[in-house]
Amino acid sequence: MPLSEHEQKILIDLEESLRQHDPRFAKSVGNLSLYTRQRRRKLLSVIGFIVGLALLVAFFTQSIPLGLVGLAMMVASSLAFASNATVHSRDFARGREDC
């Protein structure tokens, strides 16, 4: 559903206010697209899974709690990856390829 003219004006005013009050934050947020953020989250999820797997393999026989931490990291990373993949595929299916 598109924004009304009044809502667009409010959004523009908020953006200008943000740029005036905190230009560094506005610049850092403005440079990232939704696709870039999702790609970064997916990459961090993969790295987290690999670290969790390494913990599991390295410490499970020596220290069960550390092995379980590795397993928990793997599960959390898998869920985060699946969540980001689902959001992106849903947006793509709706015709939002630019997200």
C-alpha atoms as a PDB file:
ATOM      1  CA  MET A   1       0.000   0.000   0.000  1.00  0.00           C
ATOM      2  CA  PRO A   2       1.582   3.304  -1.065  1.00  0.00           C
ATOM      3  CA  LEU A   3       2.051   6.179   1.348  1.00  0.00           C
ATOM      4  CA  SER A   4      -0.253   9.174   1.207  1.00  0.00           C
ATOM      5  CA  GLU A   5       1.176  12.602   0.434  1.00  0.00           C
ATOM      6  CA  HIS A   6       0.906  13.584   4.091  1.00  0.00           C
ATOM      7  CA  GLU A   7       2.787  10.443   5.189  1.00  0.00           C
ATOM      8  CA  GLN A   8       5.472  11.039   2.564  1.00  0.00           C
ATOM      9  CA  LYS A   9       5.940  14.610   3.812  1.00  0.00           C
ATOM     10  CA  ILE A  10       6.273  13.394   7.407  1.00  0.00           C
ATOM     11  CA  LEU A  11       8.835  10.790   6.327  1.00  0.00           C
ATOM     12  CA  ILE A  12      10.863  13.393   4.414  1.00  0.00           C
ATOM     13  CA  ASP A  13      10.782  15.730   7.425  1.00  0.00           C
ATOM     14  CA  LEU A  14      12.000  12.928   9.691  1.00  0.00           C
ATOM     15  CA  GLU A  15      14.840  12.097   7.310  1.00  0.00           C
ATOM     16  CA  GLU A  16      15.934  15.735   7.130  1.00  0.00           C
ATOM     17  CA  SER A  17      15.798  16.026  10.913  1.00  0.00           C
ATOM     18  CA  LEU A  18      17.922  12.911  11.281  1.00  0.00           C
ATOM     19  CA  ARG A  19      20.480  14.233   8.792  1.00  0.00           C
ATOM     20  CA  GLN A  20      20.735  17.508  10.722  1.00  0.00           C
ATOM     21  CA  HIS A  21      20.978  15.979  14.197  1.00  0.00           C
ATOM     22  CA  ASP A  22      23.200  12.971  13.459  1.00  0.00           C
ATOM     23  CA  PRO A  23      24.707  13.123   9.961  1.00  0.00           C
ATOM     24  CA  ARG A  24      27.181  10.288  10.570  1.00  0.00           C
ATOM     25  CA  PHE A  25      24.419   7.849  11.582  1.00  0.00           C
ATOM     26  CA  ALA A  26      22.188   8.990   8.710  1.00  0.00           C
ATOM     27  CA  LYS A  27      25.024   8.406   6.249  1.00  0.00           C
ATOM     28  CA  SER A  28      25.802   4.931   7.605  1.00  0.00           C
ATOM     29  CA  VAL A  29      22.142   3.885   7.547  1.00  0.00           C
ATOM     30  CA  GLY A  30      21.489   5.432   4.160  1.00  0.00           C
ATOM     31  CA  ASN A  31      24.295   3.489   2.495  1.00  0.00           C
ATOM     32  CA  LEU A  32      22.902   0.063   3.391  1.00  0.00           C
ATOM     33  CA  SER A  33      20.035  -1.467   1.487  1.00  0.00           C
ATOM     34  CA  LEU A  34      17.810  -4.194   2.864  1.00  0.00           C
ATOM     35  CA  TYR A  35      19.523  -6.679   0.547  1.00  0.00           C
ATOM     36  CA  THR A  36      22.961  -5.705   1.879  1.00  0.00           C
ATOM     37  CA  ARG A  37      21.842  -6.118   5.487  1.00  0.00           C
ATOM     38  CA  GLN A  38      20.289  -9.510   4.782  1.00  0.00           C
ATOM     39  CA  ARG A  39      23.394 -10.657   2.952  1.00  0.00           C
ATOM     40  CA  ARG A  40      25.556  -9.574   5.900  1.00  0.00           C
ATOM     41  CA  ARG A  41      23.271 -11.410   8.344  1.00  0.00           C
ATOM     42  CA  LYS A  42      23.413 -14.558   6.202  1.00  0.00           C
ATOM     43  CA  LEU A  43      27.212 -14.382   6.096  1.00  0.00           C
ATOM     44  CA  LEU A  44      27.385 -13.940   9.880  1.00  0.00           C
ATOM     45  CA  SER A  45      25.019 -16.892  10.260  1.00  0.00           C
ATOM     46  CA  VAL A  46      27.280 -19.093   8.148  1.00  0.00           C
ATOM     47  CA  ILE A  47      30.341 -17.992  10.127  1.00  0.00           C
ATOM     48  CA  GLY A  48      28.495 -18.660  13.392  1.00  0.00           C
ATOM     49  CA  PHE A  49      27.538 -22.130  12.167  1.00  0.00           C
ATOM     50  CA  ILE A  50      31.135 -22.940  11.250  1.00  0.00           C
ATOM     51  CA  VAL A  51      32.431 -21.694  14.618  1.00  0.00           C
ATOM     52  CA  GLY A  52      29.738 -23.717  16.393  1.00  0.00           C
ATOM     53  CA  LEU A  53      30.655 -26.817  14.419  1.00  0.00           C
ATOM     54  CA  ALA A  54      34.335 -26.324  15.276  1.00  0.00           C
ATOM     55  CA  LEU A  55      33.443 -25.989  18.976  1.00  0.00           C
ATOM     56  CA  LEU A  56      31.294 -29.089  18.816  1.00  0.00           C
ATOM     57  CA  VAL A  57      33.948 -31.214  17.119  1.00  0.00           C
ATOM     58  CA  ALA A  58      36.859 -29.903  19.185  1.00  0.00           C
ATOM     59  CA  PHE A  59      35.363 -29.967  22.660  1.00  0.00           C
ATOM     60  CA  PHE A  60      32.451 -32.396  22.798  1.00  0.00           C
ATOM     61  CA  THR A  61      34.533 -35.347  23.979  1.00  0.00           C
ATOM     62  CA  GLN A  62      36.609 -33.244  26.374  1.00  0.00           C
ATOM     63  CA  SER A  63      34.059 -30.759  27.708  1.00  0.00           C
ATOM     64  CA  ILE A  64      30.389 -31.489  27.163  1.00  0.00           C
ATOM     65  CA  PRO A  65      29.234 -27.957  28.122  1.00  0.00           C
ATOM     66  CA  LEU A  66      31.482 -26.390  25.450  1.00  0.00           C
ATOM     67  CA  GLY A  67      30.220 -28.917  22.929  1.00  0.00           C
ATOM     68  CA  LEU A  68      26.651 -27.999  23.803  1.00  0.00           C
ATOM     69  CA  VAL A  69      27.519 -24.308  23.367  1.00  0.00           C
ATOM     70  CA  GLY A  70      28.774 -25.173  19.887  1.00  0.00           C
ATOM     71  CA  LEU A  71      25.565 -27.071  19.160  1.00  0.00           C
ATOM     72  CA  ALA A  72      23.486 -24.123  20.388  1.00  0.00           C
ATOM     73  CA  MET A  73      25.480 -21.781  18.134  1.00  0.00           C
ATOM     74  CA  MET A  74      24.824 -24.053  15.170  1.00  0.00           C
ATOM     75  CA  VAL A  75      21.072 -24.161  15.851  1.00  0.00           C
ATOM     76  CA  ALA A  76      20.844 -20.382  16.398  1.00  0.00           C
ATOM     77  CA  SER A  77      22.859 -19.677  13.245  1.00  0.00           C
ATOM     78  CA  SER A  78      20.692 -22.040  11.209  1.00  0.00           C
ATOM     79  CA  LEU A  79      17.518 -20.365  12.445  1.00  0.00           C
ATOM     80  CA  ALA A  80      18.909 -16.899  11.711  1.00  0.00           C
ATOM     81  CA  PHE A  81      19.938 -17.961   8.205  1.00  0.00           C
ATOM     82  CA  ALA A  82      16.552 -19.524   7.490  1.00  0.00           C
ATOM     83  CA  SER A  83      14.761 -16.446   8.791  1.00  0.00           C
ATOM     84  CA  ASN A  84      16.735 -14.110   6.524  1.00  0.00           C
ATOM     85  CA  ALA A  85      16.322 -16.416   3.537  1.00  0.00           C
ATOM     86  CA  THR A  86      12.565 -16.580   4.089  1.00  0.00           C
ATOM     87  CA  VAL A  87      12.196 -12.802   4.293  1.00  0.00           C
ATOM     88  CA  HIS A  88      14.221 -12.275   1.127  1.00  0.00           C
ATOM     89  CA  SER A  89      12.400 -14.958  -0.867  1.00  0.00           C
ATOM     90  CA  ARG A  90       9.012 -13.577   0.248  1.00  0.00           C
ATOM     91  CA  ASP A  91       9.992 -10.074  -0.920  1.00  0.00           C
ATOM     92  CA  PHE A  92      11.280 -11.490  -4.207  1.00  0.00           C
ATOM     93  CA  ALA A  93       8.029 -13.376  -4.763  1.00  0.00           C
ATOM     94  CA  ARG A  94       6.064 -10.143  -4.275  1.00  0.00           C
ATOM     95  CA  GLY A  95       8.088  -8.464  -6.993  1.00  0.00           C
ATOM     96  CA  ARG A  96      10.521  -6.532  -4.817  1.00  0.00           C
ATOM     97  CA  GLU A  97      13.713  -7.607  -6.523  1.00  0.00           C
ATOM     98  CA  ASP A  98      15.441  -4.365  -5.496  1.00  0.00           C
ATOM     99  CA  CYS A  99      15.228  -5.201  -1.747  1.00  0.00           C
END
